[in-house]
């Protein structure tokens, strides 16, 4: 197996893990949305989002991670509505 194939295989394995984790995250997001509805709470929680984005600063690809999380927040809010 050549180096490119090995690298792509490693990426494929990570992609599968990321997708599984996103699936779990979105399931939890739906549960949070249901609780918020029961308690008549707002869907948006800007301070929590800021806190999560702050954690991205500990990573070498912080700006890319922040961009992805901003998109995740948007999708999560849609699931909570």
N, C-alpha and C. Protein backbone atom coordinates (compact mmCIF):
# COMPACT_ATOMS: atom_id res chain seq x y z
N UNK A 1 0.85 -1.17 0.00
CA UNK A 1 0.00 0.00 0.00
C UNK A 1 0.90 1.24 0.00
N UNK A 2 0.64 2.16 -0.92
CA UNK A 2 1.49 3.35 -0.98
C UNK A 2 1.08 4.38 0.08
N UNK A 3 1.92 5.37 0.24
CA UNK A 3 1.71 6.36 1.30
C UNK A 3 0.39 7.12 1.14
N UNK A 4 0.05 7.51 -0.08
CA UNK A 4 -1.19 8.24 -0.32
C UNK A 4 -2.40 7.40 0.08
N UNK A 5 -2.39 6.14 -0.27
CA UNK A 5 -3.49 5.24 0.08
C UNK A 5 -3.61 5.10 1.59
N UNK A 6 -2.48 4.99 2.27
CA UNK A 6 -2.49 4.88 3.73
C UNK A 6 -3.06 6.14 4.37
N UNK A 7 -2.65 7.29 3.87
CA UNK A 7 -3.15 8.55 4.42
C UNK A 7 -4.65 8.68 4.19
N UNK A 8 -5.11 8.30 3.01
CA UNK A 8 -6.54 8.37 2.72
C UNK A 8 -7.33 7.39 3.58
N UNK A 9 -6.76 6.24 3.83
CA UNK A 9 -7.42 5.26 4.69
C UNK A 9 -7.56 5.83 6.11
N UNK A 10 -6.50 6.47 6.58
CA UNK A 10 -6.55 7.08 7.92
C UNK A 10 -7.61 8.17 7.97
N UNK A 11 -7.71 8.96 6.91
CA UNK A 11 -8.73 10.01 6.83
C UNK A 11 -10.12 9.38 6.82
N UNK A 12 -10.31 8.32 6.05
CA UNK A 12 -11.61 7.64 6.00
C UNK A 12 -12.03 7.14 7.37
N UNK A 13 -11.08 6.60 8.13
CA UNK A 13 -11.39 6.12 9.48
C UNK A 13 -11.79 7.28 10.39
N UNK A 14 -11.06 8.39 10.30
CA UNK A 14 -11.41 9.56 11.10
C UNK A 14 -12.76 10.12 10.69
N UNK A 15 -13.02 10.17 9.38
CA UNK A 15 -14.31 10.67 8.91
C UNK A 15 -15.47 9.85 9.48
N UNK A 16 -15.31 8.55 9.50
CA UNK A 16 -16.36 7.69 10.05
C UNK A 16 -16.59 8.00 11.53
N UNK A 17 -15.50 8.17 12.27
CA UNK A 17 -15.60 8.50 13.69
C UNK A 17 -16.26 9.87 13.90
N UNK A 18 -15.86 10.84 13.09
CA UNK A 18 -16.44 12.18 13.19
C UNK A 18 -17.94 12.13 12.90
N UNK A 19 -18.32 11.40 11.86
CA UNK A 19 -19.74 11.30 11.51
C UNK A 19 -20.54 10.63 12.63
N UNK A 20 -19.98 9.58 13.23
CA UNK A 20 -20.65 8.93 14.36
C UNK A 20 -20.83 9.90 15.53
N UNK A 21 -19.79 10.67 15.81
CA UNK A 21 -19.86 11.64 16.91
C UNK A 21 -20.86 12.75 16.60
N UNK A 22 -20.89 13.21 15.36
CA UNK A 22 -21.87 14.24 14.99
C UNK A 22 -23.29 13.71 15.12
N UNK A 23 -23.49 12.45 14.72
CA UNK A 23 -24.80 11.84 14.89
C UNK A 23 -25.23 11.87 16.35
N UNK A 24 -24.31 11.48 17.24
CA UNK A 24 -24.61 11.48 18.67
C UNK A 24 -24.86 12.90 19.18
N UNK A 25 -24.06 13.85 18.69
CA UNK A 25 -24.22 15.24 19.12
C UNK A 25 -25.59 15.77 18.71
N UNK A 26 -26.00 15.48 17.47
CA UNK A 26 -27.30 15.97 17.01
C UNK A 26 -28.45 15.29 17.74
N UNK A 27 -28.29 14.02 18.12
CA UNK A 27 -29.31 13.36 18.94
C UNK A 27 -29.45 14.08 20.29
N UNK A 28 -28.31 14.40 20.89
CA UNK A 28 -28.33 15.13 22.17
C UNK A 28 -28.92 16.52 22.00
N UNK A 29 -28.61 17.15 20.87
CA UNK A 29 -29.15 18.47 20.58
C UNK A 29 -30.67 18.44 20.54
N UNK A 30 -31.23 17.40 19.92
CA UNK A 30 -32.69 17.27 19.88
C UNK A 30 -33.25 17.14 21.30
N UNK A 31 -32.58 16.35 22.14
CA UNK A 31 -33.04 16.17 23.52
C UNK A 31 -32.97 17.50 24.28
N UNK A 32 -31.91 18.25 24.06
CA UNK A 32 -31.79 19.57 24.70
C UNK A 32 -32.93 20.47 24.22
N UNK A 33 -33.23 20.42 22.94
CA UNK A 33 -34.32 21.23 22.39
C UNK A 33 -35.65 20.90 23.03
N UNK A 34 -35.91 19.63 23.26
CA UNK A 34 -37.15 19.22 23.91
C UNK A 34 -37.23 19.76 25.33
N UNK A 35 -36.13 19.68 26.06
CA UNK A 35 -36.11 20.22 27.42
C UNK A 35 -36.32 21.73 27.42
N UNK A 36 -35.68 22.40 26.48
CA UNK A 36 -35.84 23.85 26.39
C UNK A 36 -37.30 24.22 26.10
N UNK A 37 -37.96 23.44 25.25
CA UNK A 37 -39.37 23.70 24.95
C UNK A 37 -40.22 23.53 26.21
N UNK A 38 -39.96 22.45 26.96
CA UNK A 38 -40.72 22.20 28.19
C UNK A 38 -40.55 23.33 29.19
N UNK A 39 -39.35 23.89 29.24
CA UNK A 39 -39.05 24.94 30.21
C UNK A 39 -39.18 26.34 29.60
N UNK A 40 -39.70 26.39 28.38
CA UNK A 40 -39.85 27.65 27.64
C UNK A 40 -38.57 28.49 27.66
N UNK A 41 -37.49 27.85 27.31
CA UNK A 41 -36.19 28.52 27.23
C UNK A 41 -35.86 28.83 25.77
N UNK A 42 -35.04 29.84 25.58
CA UNK A 42 -34.61 30.22 24.24
C UNK A 42 -33.70 29.14 23.64
N UNK A 43 -33.79 28.98 22.34
CA UNK A 43 -32.95 28.01 21.64
C UNK A 43 -31.50 28.48 21.65
N UNK A 44 -31.29 29.74 21.39
CA UNK A 44 -29.93 30.28 21.28
C UNK A 44 -29.31 30.49 22.66
N UNK A 45 -28.04 30.17 22.78
CA UNK A 45 -27.30 30.35 24.02
C UNK A 45 -25.90 30.89 23.66
N UNK A 46 -25.81 32.18 23.35
CA UNK A 46 -24.56 32.76 22.85
C UNK A 46 -23.36 32.55 23.77
N UNK A 47 -23.55 32.62 25.08
CA UNK A 47 -22.41 32.44 25.99
C UNK A 47 -21.84 31.02 25.89
N UNK A 48 -22.71 30.04 25.74
CA UNK A 48 -22.24 28.66 25.58
C UNK A 48 -21.46 28.52 24.27
N UNK A 49 -21.98 29.12 23.21
CA UNK A 49 -21.28 29.05 21.92
C UNK A 49 -19.89 29.68 22.03
N UNK A 50 -19.81 30.83 22.68
CA UNK A 50 -18.52 31.50 22.86
C UNK A 50 -17.56 30.62 23.64
N UNK A 51 -18.07 29.95 24.66
CA UNK A 51 -17.25 29.07 25.48
C UNK A 51 -16.68 27.91 24.66
N UNK A 52 -17.51 27.34 23.82
CA UNK A 52 -17.06 26.23 22.98
C UNK A 52 -16.03 26.72 21.96
N UNK A 53 -16.30 27.86 21.34
CA UNK A 53 -15.34 28.41 20.37
C UNK A 53 -14.01 28.75 21.02
N UNK A 54 -14.06 29.18 22.27
CA UNK A 54 -12.83 29.49 23.00
C UNK A 54 -11.95 28.24 23.13
N UNK A 55 -12.56 27.08 23.32
CA UNK A 55 -11.80 25.83 23.43
C UNK A 55 -11.04 25.52 22.15
N UNK A 56 -11.57 25.97 21.03
CA UNK A 56 -10.91 25.72 19.75
C UNK A 56 -9.54 26.38 19.68
N UNK A 57 -9.36 27.44 20.45
CA UNK A 57 -8.09 28.17 20.42
C UNK A 57 -6.92 27.32 20.91
N UNK A 58 -7.21 26.19 21.54
CA UNK A 58 -6.15 25.29 22.02
C UNK A 58 -5.65 24.35 20.92
N UNK A 59 -6.19 24.48 19.72
CA UNK A 59 -5.85 23.56 18.63
C UNK A 59 -5.13 24.30 17.51
N UNK A 60 -4.29 23.55 16.80
CA UNK A 60 -3.47 24.17 15.76
C UNK A 60 -4.28 24.67 14.57
N UNK A 61 -5.47 24.15 14.37
CA UNK A 61 -6.33 24.59 13.26
C UNK A 61 -7.56 25.31 13.81
N UNK A 62 -7.31 26.20 14.76
CA UNK A 62 -8.39 26.86 15.51
C UNK A 62 -9.40 27.55 14.60
N UNK A 63 -8.95 28.29 13.63
CA UNK A 63 -9.89 29.04 12.79
C UNK A 63 -10.79 28.11 11.99
N UNK A 64 -10.23 27.04 11.47
CA UNK A 64 -11.04 26.06 10.72
C UNK A 64 -12.04 25.38 11.65
N UNK A 65 -11.60 25.04 12.84
CA UNK A 65 -12.49 24.40 13.82
C UNK A 65 -13.62 25.35 14.20
N UNK A 66 -13.30 26.62 14.40
CA UNK A 66 -14.33 27.61 14.74
C UNK A 66 -15.35 27.73 13.62
N UNK A 67 -14.88 27.71 12.39
CA UNK A 67 -15.79 27.78 11.24
C UNK A 67 -16.73 26.59 11.23
N UNK A 68 -16.19 25.40 11.46
CA UNK A 68 -17.03 24.20 11.50
C UNK A 68 -18.03 24.25 12.64
N UNK A 69 -17.59 24.69 13.80
CA UNK A 69 -18.50 24.74 14.95
C UNK A 69 -19.59 25.79 14.76
N UNK A 70 -19.28 26.87 14.10
CA UNK A 70 -20.31 27.86 13.81
C UNK A 70 -21.41 27.22 12.96
N UNK A 71 -21.02 26.40 12.01
CA UNK A 71 -21.99 25.69 11.18
C UNK A 71 -22.76 24.66 12.02
N UNK A 72 -22.06 23.96 12.89
CA UNK A 72 -22.72 22.98 13.78
C UNK A 72 -23.76 23.69 14.65
N UNK A 73 -23.41 24.87 15.17
CA UNK A 73 -24.37 25.62 15.99
C UNK A 73 -25.62 25.96 15.20
N UNK A 74 -25.44 26.39 13.96
CA UNK A 74 -26.57 26.74 13.10
C UNK A 74 -27.48 25.53 12.89
N UNK A 75 -26.87 24.38 12.57
CA UNK A 75 -27.65 23.16 12.36
C UNK A 75 -28.32 22.70 13.65
N UNK A 76 -27.63 22.83 14.75
CA UNK A 76 -28.18 22.42 16.04
C UNK A 76 -29.41 23.25 16.41
N UNK A 77 -29.35 24.55 16.16
CA UNK A 77 -30.50 25.41 16.46
C UNK A 77 -31.70 25.02 15.61
N UNK A 78 -31.46 24.65 14.37
CA UNK A 78 -32.55 24.21 13.50
C UNK A 78 -33.19 22.93 14.06
N UNK A 79 -32.36 22.02 14.57
CA UNK A 79 -32.89 20.77 15.14
C UNK A 79 -33.67 21.02 16.43
N UNK A 80 -33.30 22.06 17.15
CA UNK A 80 -33.98 22.35 18.42
C UNK A 80 -35.32 23.03 18.23
N UNK A 81 -35.56 23.59 17.08
CA UNK A 81 -36.82 24.32 16.85
C UNK A 81 -37.95 23.38 16.52
